Amino acid sequence: MKQAKVLTAAEMKRLLAVIASRRHAERNRLAVMFSHLAGLRVGEIAGLRFDDVLETDGSVTDRVHINPAIAKGGVGRTVFVNLTKC
């Protein structure tokens, strides 16, 4: 089985520039970053809720809890996010 292509730094920079020039830029950038940096699948990103990514004080958490209901195979997990790259 072939390995999936990973975007180069230049390709990622270009993608983010295109996203920034379009409607809903912040939302779309977040979705791309969740996919690229955290390895989340489309269905997982779409199924995220605010309490999955925010602490009780409203700050952004450094770990995202993937509910088993939205995860592939019905197995939940915790994904650690490096907030300095976002």
PDB file of N, CA and C in Angstrom:
ATOM      1  N   MET A   1       0.851  -1.178   0.000  1.00  0.00           N
ATOM      2  CA  MET A   1       0.000   0.000   0.000  1.00  0.00           C
ATOM      3  C   MET A   1       0.893   1.237   0.000  1.00  0.00           C
ATOM      4  N   LYS A   2       0.552   2.209  -0.834  1.00  0.00           N
ATOM      5  CA  LYS A   2       1.347   3.429  -0.925  1.00  0.00           C
ATOM      6  C   LYS A   2       1.103   4.342   0.270  1.00  0.00           C
ATOM      7  N   GLN A   3       2.131   5.104   0.590  1.00  0.00           N
ATOM      8  CA  GLN A   3       2.055   6.082   1.676  1.00  0.00           C
ATOM      9  C   GLN A   3       1.372   7.348   1.171  1.00  0.00           C
ATOM     10  N   ALA A   4       0.527   7.941   1.981  1.00  0.00           N
ATOM     11  CA  ALA A   4      -0.144   9.185   1.613  1.00  0.00           C
ATOM     12  C   ALA A   4       0.878  10.305   1.487  1.00  0.00           C
ATOM     13  N   LYS A   5       0.640  11.216   0.548  1.00  0.00           N
ATOM     14  CA  LYS A   5       1.532  12.348   0.342  1.00  0.00           C
ATOM     15  C   LYS A   5       1.376  13.342   1.486  1.00  0.00           C
ATOM     16  N   VAL A   6       2.477  13.856   1.957  1.00  0.00           N
ATOM     17  CA  VAL A   6       2.482  14.876   3.003  1.00  0.00           C
ATOM     18  C   VAL A   6       2.898  16.194   2.358  1.00  0.00           C
ATOM     19  N   LEU A   7       2.193  17.261   2.711  1.00  0.00           N
ATOM     20  CA  LEU A   7       2.521  18.561   2.144  1.00  0.00           C
ATOM     21  C   LEU A   7       3.895  19.032   2.604  1.00  0.00           C
ATOM     22  N   THR A   8       4.639  19.632   1.675  1.00  0.00           N
ATOM     23  CA  THR A   8       5.908  20.246   2.043  1.00  0.00           C
ATOM     24  C   THR A   8       5.615  21.561   2.759  1.00  0.00           C
ATOM     25  N   ALA A   9       6.627  22.146   3.361  1.00  0.00           N
ATOM     26  CA  ALA A   9       6.453  23.431   4.051  1.00  0.00           C
ATOM     27  C   ALA A   9       5.985  24.511   3.072  1.00  0.00           C
ATOM     28  N   ALA A  10       6.527  24.508   1.869  1.00  0.00           N
ATOM     29  CA  ALA A  10       6.129  25.504   0.861  1.00  0.00           C
ATOM     30  C   ALA A  10       4.669  25.309   0.433  1.00  0.00           C
ATOM     31  N   GLU A  11       4.261  24.054   0.260  1.00  0.00           N
ATOM     32  CA  GLU A  11       2.872  23.769  -0.119  1.00  0.00           C
ATOM     33  C   GLU A  11       1.911  24.174   0.988  1.00  0.00           C
ATOM     34  N   MET A  12       2.292  23.913   2.230  1.00  0.00           N
ATOM     35  CA  MET A  12       1.449  24.282   3.366  1.00  0.00           C
ATOM     36  C   MET A  12       1.314  25.797   3.463  1.00  0.00           C
ATOM     37  N   LYS A  13       2.405  26.503   3.266  1.00  0.00           N
ATOM     38  CA  LYS A  13       2.390  27.966   3.296  1.00  0.00           C
ATOM     39  C   LYS A  13       1.471  28.515   2.213  1.00  0.00           C
ATOM     40  N   ARG A  14       1.554  27.941   1.031  1.00  0.00           N
ATOM     41  CA  ARG A  14       0.695  28.378  -0.084  1.00  0.00           C
ATOM     42  C   ARG A  14      -0.777  28.077   0.212  1.00  0.00           C
ATOM     43  N   LEU A  15      -1.057  26.900   0.749  1.00  0.00           N
ATOM     44  CA  LEU A  15      -2.426  26.527   1.103  1.00  0.00           C
ATOM     45  C   LEU A  15      -3.007  27.505   2.116  1.00  0.00           C
ATOM     46  N   LEU A  16      -2.231  27.833   3.153  1.00  0.00           N
ATOM     47  CA  LEU A  16      -2.711  28.761   4.186  1.00  0.00           C
ATOM     48  C   LEU A  16      -2.906  30.170   3.624  1.00  0.00           C
ATOM     49  N   ALA A  17      -2.098  30.558   2.642  1.00  0.00           N
ATOM     50  CA  ALA A  17      -2.272  31.871   1.996  1.00  0.00           C
ATOM     51  C   ALA A  17      -3.578  31.909   1.209  1.00  0.00           C
ATOM     52  N   VAL A  18      -3.884  30.830   0.526  1.00  0.00           N
ATOM     53  CA  VAL A  18      -5.149  30.757  -0.219  1.00  0.00           C
ATOM     54  C   VAL A  18      -6.333  30.784   0.742  1.00  0.00           C
ATOM     55  N   ILE A  19      -6.241  30.029   1.817  1.00  0.00           N
ATOM     56  CA  ILE A  19      -7.311  30.007   2.818  1.00  0.00           C
ATOM     57  C   ILE A  19      -7.541  31.395   3.392  1.00  0.00           C
ATOM     58  N   ALA A  20      -6.455  32.119   3.669  1.00  0.00           N
ATOM     59  CA  ALA A  20      -6.557  33.460   4.264  1.00  0.00           C
ATOM     60  C   ALA A  20      -7.270  34.448   3.366  1.00  0.00           C
ATOM     61  N   SER A  21      -7.277  34.198   2.076  1.00  0.00           N
ATOM     62  CA  SER A  21      -7.900  35.132   1.130  1.00  0.00           C
ATOM     63  C   SER A  21      -9.375  34.831   0.867  1.00  0.00           C
ATOM     64  N   ARG A  22      -9.916  33.828   1.509  1.00  0.00           N
ATOM     65  CA  ARG A  22     -11.293  33.401   1.259  1.00  0.00           C
ATOM     66  C   ARG A  22     -12.193  33.629   2.467  1.00  0.00           C
ATOM     67  N   ARG A  23     -13.494  33.441   2.241  1.00  0.00           N
ATOM     68  CA  ARG A  23     -14.469  33.534   3.344  1.00  0.00           C
ATOM     69  C   ARG A  23     -14.203  32.454   4.383  1.00  0.00           C
ATOM     70  N   HIS A  24     -14.545  32.757   5.615  1.00  0.00           N
ATOM     71  CA  HIS A  24     -14.422  31.820   6.735  1.00  0.00           C
ATOM     72  C   HIS A  24     -12.976  31.342   6.908  1.00  0.00           C
ATOM     73  N   ALA A  25     -12.037  32.263   6.735  1.00  0.00           N
ATOM     74  CA  ALA A  25     -10.613  31.925   6.767  1.00  0.00           C
ATOM     75  C   ALA A  25     -10.191  31.305   8.094  1.00  0.00           C
ATOM     76  N   GLU A  26     -10.651  31.846   9.210  1.00  0.00           N
ATOM     77  CA  GLU A  26     -10.232  31.310  10.510  1.00  0.00           C
ATOM     78  C   GLU A  26     -10.726  29.883  10.714  1.00  0.00           C
ATOM     79  N   ARG A  27     -11.986  29.637  10.374  1.00  0.00           N
ATOM     80  CA  ARG A  27     -12.546  28.290  10.521  1.00  0.00           C
ATOM     81  C   ARG A  27     -11.806  27.294   9.631  1.00  0.00           C
ATOM     82  N   ASN A  28     -11.573  27.691   8.386  1.00  0.00           N
ATOM     83  CA  ASN A  28     -10.920  26.791   7.439  1.00  0.00           C
ATOM     84  C   ASN A  28      -9.461  26.527   7.808  1.00  0.00           C
ATOM     85  N   ARG A  29      -8.773  27.568   8.312  1.00  0.00           N
ATOM     86  CA  ARG A  29      -7.389  27.377   8.759  1.00  0.00           C
ATOM     87  C   ARG A  29      -7.347  26.383   9.928  1.00  0.00           C
ATOM     88  N   LEU A  30      -8.279  26.530  10.844  1.00  0.00           N
ATOM     89  CA  LEU A  30      -8.338  25.628  11.989  1.00  0.00           C
ATOM     90  C   LEU A  30      -8.559  24.183  11.539  1.00  0.00           C
ATOM     91  N   ALA A  31      -9.462  23.978  10.593  1.00  0.00           N
ATOM     92  CA  ALA A  31      -9.733  22.622  10.098  1.00  0.00           C
ATOM     93  C   ALA A  31      -8.493  22.023   9.434  1.00  0.00           C
ATOM     94  N   VAL A  32      -7.803  22.815   8.629  1.00  0.00           N
ATOM     95  CA  VAL A  32      -6.593  22.325   7.963  1.00  0.00           C
ATOM     96  C   VAL A  32      -5.514  22.012   8.990  1.00  0.00           C
ATOM     97  N   MET A  33      -5.363  22.873   9.988  1.00  0.00           N
ATOM     98  CA  MET A  33      -4.336  22.650  11.003  1.00  0.00           C
ATOM     99  C   MET A  33      -4.653  21.406  11.854  1.00  0.00           C
ATOM    100  N   PHE A  34      -5.928  21.200  12.180  1.00  0.00           N
ATOM    101  CA  PHE A  34      -6.305  19.985  12.909  1.00  0.00           C
ATOM    102  C   PHE A  34      -5.969  18.744  12.085  1.00  0.00           C
ATOM    103  N   SER A  35      -6.211  18.813  10.799  1.00  0.00           N
ATOM    104  CA  SER A  35      -5.924  17.677   9.937  1.00  0.00           C
ATOM    105  C   SER A  35      -4.423  17.467   9.787  1.00  0.00           C
ATOM    106  N   HIS A  36      -3.707  18.530   9.494  1.00  0.00           N
ATOM    107  CA  HIS A  36      -2.280  18.414   9.201  1.00  0.00           C
ATOM    108  C   HIS A  36      -1.428  18.159  10.443  1.00  0.00           C
ATOM    109  N   LEU A  37      -1.643  18.926  11.487  1.00  0.00           N
ATOM    110  CA  LEU A  37      -0.782  18.829  12.662  1.00  0.00           C
ATOM    111  C   LEU A  37      -1.236  17.785  13.681  1.00  0.00           C
ATOM    112  N   ALA A  38      -2.550  17.606  13.798  1.00  0.00           N
ATOM    113  CA  ALA A  38      -3.044  16.664  14.806  1.00  0.00           C
ATOM    114  C   ALA A  38      -3.464  15.330  14.205  1.00  0.00           C
ATOM    115  N   GLY A  39      -3.543  15.249  12.876  1.00  0.00           N
ATOM    116  CA  GLY A  39      -3.886  13.992  12.232  1.00  0.00           C
ATOM    117  C   GLY A  39      -5.350  13.601  12.356  1.00  0.00           C
ATOM    118  N   LEU A  40      -6.219  14.593  12.578  1.00  0.00           N
ATOM    119  CA  LEU A  40      -7.645  14.281  12.696  1.00  0.00           C
ATOM    120  C   LEU A  40      -8.255  14.035  11.321  1.00  0.00           C
ATOM    121  N   ARG A  41      -9.230  13.165  11.279  1.00  0.00           N
ATOM    122  CA  ARG A  41      -9.964  12.883  10.050  1.00  0.00           C
ATOM    123  C   ARG A  41     -11.077  13.911   9.877  1.00  0.00           C
ATOM    124  N   VAL A  42     -11.583  14.022   8.659  1.00  0.00           N
ATOM    125  CA  VAL A  42     -12.626  15.000   8.344  1.00  0.00           C
ATOM    126  C   VAL A  42     -13.838  14.832   9.248  1.00  0.00           C
ATOM    127  N   GLY A  43     -14.305  13.608   9.425  1.00  0.00           N
ATOM    128  CA  GLY A  43     -15.475  13.352  10.268  1.00  0.00           C
ATOM    129  C   GLY A  43     -15.231  13.717  11.724  1.00  0.00           C
ATOM    130  N   GLU A  44     -14.002  13.539  12.182  1.00  0.00           N
ATOM    131  CA  GLU A  44     -13.656  13.904  13.551  1.00  0.00           C
ATOM    132  C   GLU A  44     -13.646  15.418  13.719  1.00  0.00           C
ATOM    133  N   ILE A  45     -13.093  16.114  12.742  1.00  0.00           N
ATOM    134  CA  ILE A  45     -13.064  17.581  12.799  1.00  0.00           C
ATOM    135  C   ILE A  45     -14.485  18.122  12.779  1.00  0.00           C
ATOM    136  N   ALA A  46     -15.314  17.584  11.897  1.00  0.00           N
ATOM    137  CA  ALA A  46     -16.700  18.045  11.783  1.00  0.00           C
ATOM    138  C   ALA A  46     -17.500  17.754  13.048  1.00  0.00           C
ATOM    139  N   GLY A  47     -17.141  16.708  13.757  1.00  0.00           N
ATOM    140  CA  GLY A  47     -17.886  16.322  14.947  1.00  0.00           C
ATOM    141  C   GLY A  47     -17.404  16.960  16.242  1.00  0.00           C
ATOM    142  N   LEU A  48     -16.344  17.769  16.176  1.00  0.00           N
ATOM    143  CA  LEU A  48     -15.839  18.407  17.388  1.00  0.00           C
ATOM    144  C   LEU A  48     -16.835  19.413  17.949  1.00  0.00           C
ATOM    145  N   ARG A  49     -16.839  19.518  19.265  1.00  0.00           N
ATOM    146  CA  ARG A  49     -17.667  20.508  19.960  1.00  0.00           C
ATOM    147  C   ARG A  49     -16.739  21.449  20.715  1.00  0.00           C
ATOM    148  N   PHE A  50     -17.275  22.592  21.132  1.00  0.00           N
ATOM    149  CA  PHE A  50     -16.455  23.563  21.844  1.00  0.00           C
ATOM    150  C   PHE A  50     -15.806  22.969  23.083  1.00  0.00           C
ATOM    151  N   ASP A  51     -16.556  22.166  23.830  1.00  0.00           N
ATOM    152  CA  ASP A  51     -15.982  21.614  25.061  1.00  0.00           C
ATOM    153  C   ASP A  51     -14.914  20.549  24.791  1.00  0.00           C
ATOM    154  N   ASP A  52     -14.768  20.117  23.540  1.00  0.00           N
ATOM    155  CA  ASP A  52     -13.694  19.194  23.180  1.00  0.00           C
ATOM    156  C   ASP A  52     -12.353  19.924  23.060  1.00  0.00           C
ATOM    157  N   VAL A  53     -12.384  21.220  22.777  1.00  0.00           N
ATOM    158  CA  VAL A  53     -11.152  21.969  22.508  1.00  0.00           C
ATOM    159  C   VAL A  53     -10.911  23.133  23.475  1.00  0.00           C
ATOM    160  N   LEU A  54     -11.859  23.378  24.382  1.00  0.00           N
ATOM    161  CA  LEU A  54     -11.708  24.473  25.331  1.00  0.00           C
ATOM    162  C   LEU A  54     -11.693  23.966  26.763  1.00  0.00           C
ATOM    163  N   GLU A  55     -10.888  24.630  27.590  1.00  0.00           N
ATOM    164  CA  GLU A  55     -10.887  24.346  29.027  1.00  0.00           C
ATOM    165  C   GLU A  55     -12.126  24.988  29.646  1.00  0.00           C
ATOM    166  N   THR A  56     -12.392  24.707  30.900  1.00  0.00           N
ATOM    167  CA  THR A  56     -13.564  25.276  31.569  1.00  0.00           C
ATOM    168  C   THR A  56     -13.472  26.790  31.712  1.00  0.00           C
ATOM    169  N   ASP A  57     -12.244  27.338  31.716  1.00  0.00           N
ATOM    170  CA  ASP A  57     -12.080  28.788  31.804  1.00  0.00           C
ATOM    171  C   ASP A  57     -12.138  29.473  30.437  1.00  0.00           C
ATOM    172  N   GLY A  58     -12.344  28.716  29.365  1.00  0.00           N
ATOM    173  CA  GLY A  58     -12.460  29.282  28.026  1.00  0.00           C
ATOM    174  C   GLY A  58     -11.167  29.309  27.231  1.00  0.00           C
ATOM    175  N   SER A  59     -10.066  28.905  27.838  1.00  0.00           N
ATOM    176  CA  SER A  59      -8.794  28.879  27.106  1.00  0.00           C
ATOM    177  C   SER A  59      -8.717  27.608  26.243  1.00  0.00           C
ATOM    178  N   VAL A  60      -7.868  27.666  25.230  1.00  0.00           N
ATOM    179  CA  VAL A  60      -7.706  26.532  24.325  1.00  0.00           C
ATOM    180  C   VAL A  60      -6.878  25.454  25.023  1.00  0.00           C
ATOM    181  N   THR A  61      -7.343  24.231  24.944  1.00  0.00           N
ATOM    182  CA  THR A  61      -6.655  23.115  25.594  1.00  0.00           C
ATOM    183  C   THR A  61      -5.524  22.595  24.711  1.00  0.00           C
ATOM    184  N   ASP A  62      -4.565  21.939  25.324  1.00  0.00           N
ATOM    185  CA  ASP A  62      -3.462  21.363  24.556  1.00  0.00           C
ATOM    186  C   ASP A  62      -3.720  19.900  24.202  1.00  0.00           C
ATOM    187  N   ARG A  63      -4.910  19.409  24.528  1.00  0.00           N
ATOM    188  CA  ARG A  63      -5.283  18.052  24.145  1.00  0.00           C
ATOM    189  C   ARG A  63      -6.755  18.051  23.727  1.00  0.00           C
ATOM    190  N   VAL A  64      -7.026  17.352  22.644  1.00  0.00           N
ATOM    191  CA  VAL A  64      -8.384  17.268  22.101  1.00  0.00           C
ATOM    192  C   VAL A  64      -8.900  15.865  22.363  1.00  0.00           C
ATOM    193  N   HIS A  65     -10.060  15.782  22.973  1.00  0.00           N
ATOM    194  CA  HIS A  65     -10.676  14.488  23.259  1.00  0.00           C
ATOM    195  C   HIS A  65     -11.614  14.132  22.102  1.00  0.00           C
ATOM    196  N   ILE A  66     -11.331  13.039  21.437  1.00  0.00           N
ATOM    197  CA  ILE A  66     -12.157  12.568  20.324  1.00  0.00           C
ATOM    198  C   ILE A  66     -13.167  11.570  20.891  1.00  0.00           C
ATOM    199  N   ASN A  67     -14.415  11.938  20.808  1.00  0.00           N
ATOM    200  CA  ASN A  67     -15.512  11.122  21.308  1.00  0.00           C
ATOM    201  C   ASN A  67     -15.609   9.841  20.469  1.00  0.00           C
ATOM    202  N   PRO A  68     -15.820   8.691  21.082  1.00  0.00           N
ATOM    203  CA  PRO A  68     -15.947   7.446  20.314  1.00  0.00           C
ATOM    204  C   PRO A  68     -17.055   7.490  19.257  1.00  0.00           C
ATOM    205  N   ALA A  69     -18.069   8.304  19.480  1.00  0.00           N
ATOM    206  CA  ALA A  69     -19.172   8.391  18.520  1.00  0.00           C
ATOM    207  C   ALA A  69     -18.738   8.991  17.183  1.00  0.00           C
ATOM    208  N   ILE A  70     -17.671   9.791  17.170  1.00  0.00           N
ATOM    209  CA  ILE A  70     -17.233  10.419  15.924  1.00  0.00           C
ATOM    210  C   ILE A  70     -15.918   9.834  15.407  1.00  0.00           C
ATOM    211  N   ALA A  71     -15.301   8.934  16.163  1.00  0.00           N
ATOM    212  CA  ALA A  71     -14.009   8.368  15.788  1.00  0.00           C
ATOM    213  C   ALA A  71     -14.173   7.155  14.881  1.00  0.00           C
ATOM    214  N   LYS A  72     -13.188   6.936  14.054  1.00  0.00           N
ATOM    215  CA  LYS A  72     -13.180   5.768  13.185  1.00  0.00           C
ATOM    216  C   LYS A  72     -13.106   4.506  14.046  1.00  0.00           C
ATOM    217  N   GLY A  73     -13.961   3.563  13.781  1.00  0.00           N
ATOM    218  CA  GLY A  73     -13.968   2.311  14.533  1.00  0.00           C
ATOM    219  C   GLY A  73     -14.625   2.415  15.898  1.00  0.00           C
ATOM    220  N   GLY A  74     -15.165   3.607  16.222  1.00  0.00           N
ATOM    221  CA  GLY A  74     -15.848   3.778  17.497  1.00  0.00           C
ATOM    222  C   GLY A  74     -14.931   3.778  18.703  1.00  0.00           C
ATOM    223  N   VAL A  75     -13.657   4.052  18.472  1.00  0.00           N
ATOM    224  CA  VAL A  75     -12.684   4.071  19.561  1.00  0.00           C
ATOM    225  C   VAL A  75     -12.244   5.517  19.797  1.00  0.00           C
ATOM    226  N   GLY A  76     -12.577   6.055  20.957  1.00  0.00           N
ATOM    227  CA  GLY A  76     -12.185   7.412  21.290  1.00  0.00           C
ATOM    228  C   GLY A  76     -10.702   7.502  21.596  1.00  0.00           C
ATOM    229  N   ARG A  77     -10.192   8.715  21.571  1.00  0.00           N
ATOM    230  CA  ARG A  77      -8.776   8.915  21.868  1.00  0.00           C
ATOM    231  C   ARG A  77      -8.530  10.356  22.269  1.00  0.00           C
ATOM    232  N   THR A  78      -7.344  10.590  22.767  1.00  0.00           N
ATOM    233  CA  THR A  78      -6.921  11.935  23.100  1.00  0.00           C
ATOM    234  C   THR A  78      -5.772  12.293  22.174  1.00  0.00           C
ATOM    235  N   VAL A  79      -5.872  13.473  21.553  1.00  0.00           N
ATOM    236  CA  VAL A  79      -4.840  13.939  20.641  1.00  0.00           C
ATOM    237  C   VAL A  79      -4.184  15.163  21.275  1.00  0.00           C
ATOM    238  N   PHE A  80      -2.864  15.128  21.398  1.00  0.00           N
ATOM    239  CA  PHE A  80      -2.134  16.260  21.946  1.00  0.00           C
ATOM    240  C   PHE A  80      -1.803  17.237  20.842  1.00  0.00           C
ATOM    241  N   VAL A  81      -2.007  18.527  21.099  1.00  0.00           N
ATOM    242  CA  VAL A  81      -1.819  19.562  20.102  1.00  0.00           C
ATOM    243  C   VAL A  81      -0.708  20.502  20.568  1.00  0.00           C
ATOM    244  N   ASN A  82       0.244  20.767  19.678  1.00  0.00           N
ATOM    245  CA  ASN A  82       1.302  21.717  19.960  1.00  0.00           C
ATOM    246  C   ASN A  82       0.788  23.102  19.587  1.00  0.00           C
ATOM    247  N   LEU A  83       0.371  23.874  20.566  1.00  0.00           N
ATOM    248  CA  LEU A  83      -0.252  25.173  20.308  1.00  0.00           C
ATOM    249  C   LEU A  83       0.715  26.196  19.744  1.00  0.00           C
ATOM    250  N   THR A  84       2.005  25.982  19.867  1.00  0.00           N
ATOM    251  CA  THR A  84       2.965  26.946  19.331  1.00  0.00           C
ATOM    252  C   THR A  84       3.028  26.918  17.816  1.00  0.00           C
ATOM    253  N   LYS A  85       2.608  25.814  17.179  1.00  0.00           N
ATOM    254  CA  LYS A  85       2.629  25.713  15.722  1.00  0.00           C
ATOM    255  C   LYS A  85       1.387  26.278  15.078  1.00  0.00           C
ATOM    256  N   CYS A  86       0.364  26.549  15.857  1.00  0.00           N
ATOM    257  CA  CYS A  86      -0.895  27.053  15.305  1.00  0.00           C
ATOM    258  C   CYS A  86      -0.809  28.542  15.112  1.00  0.00           C
TER     259      CYS A  86
END
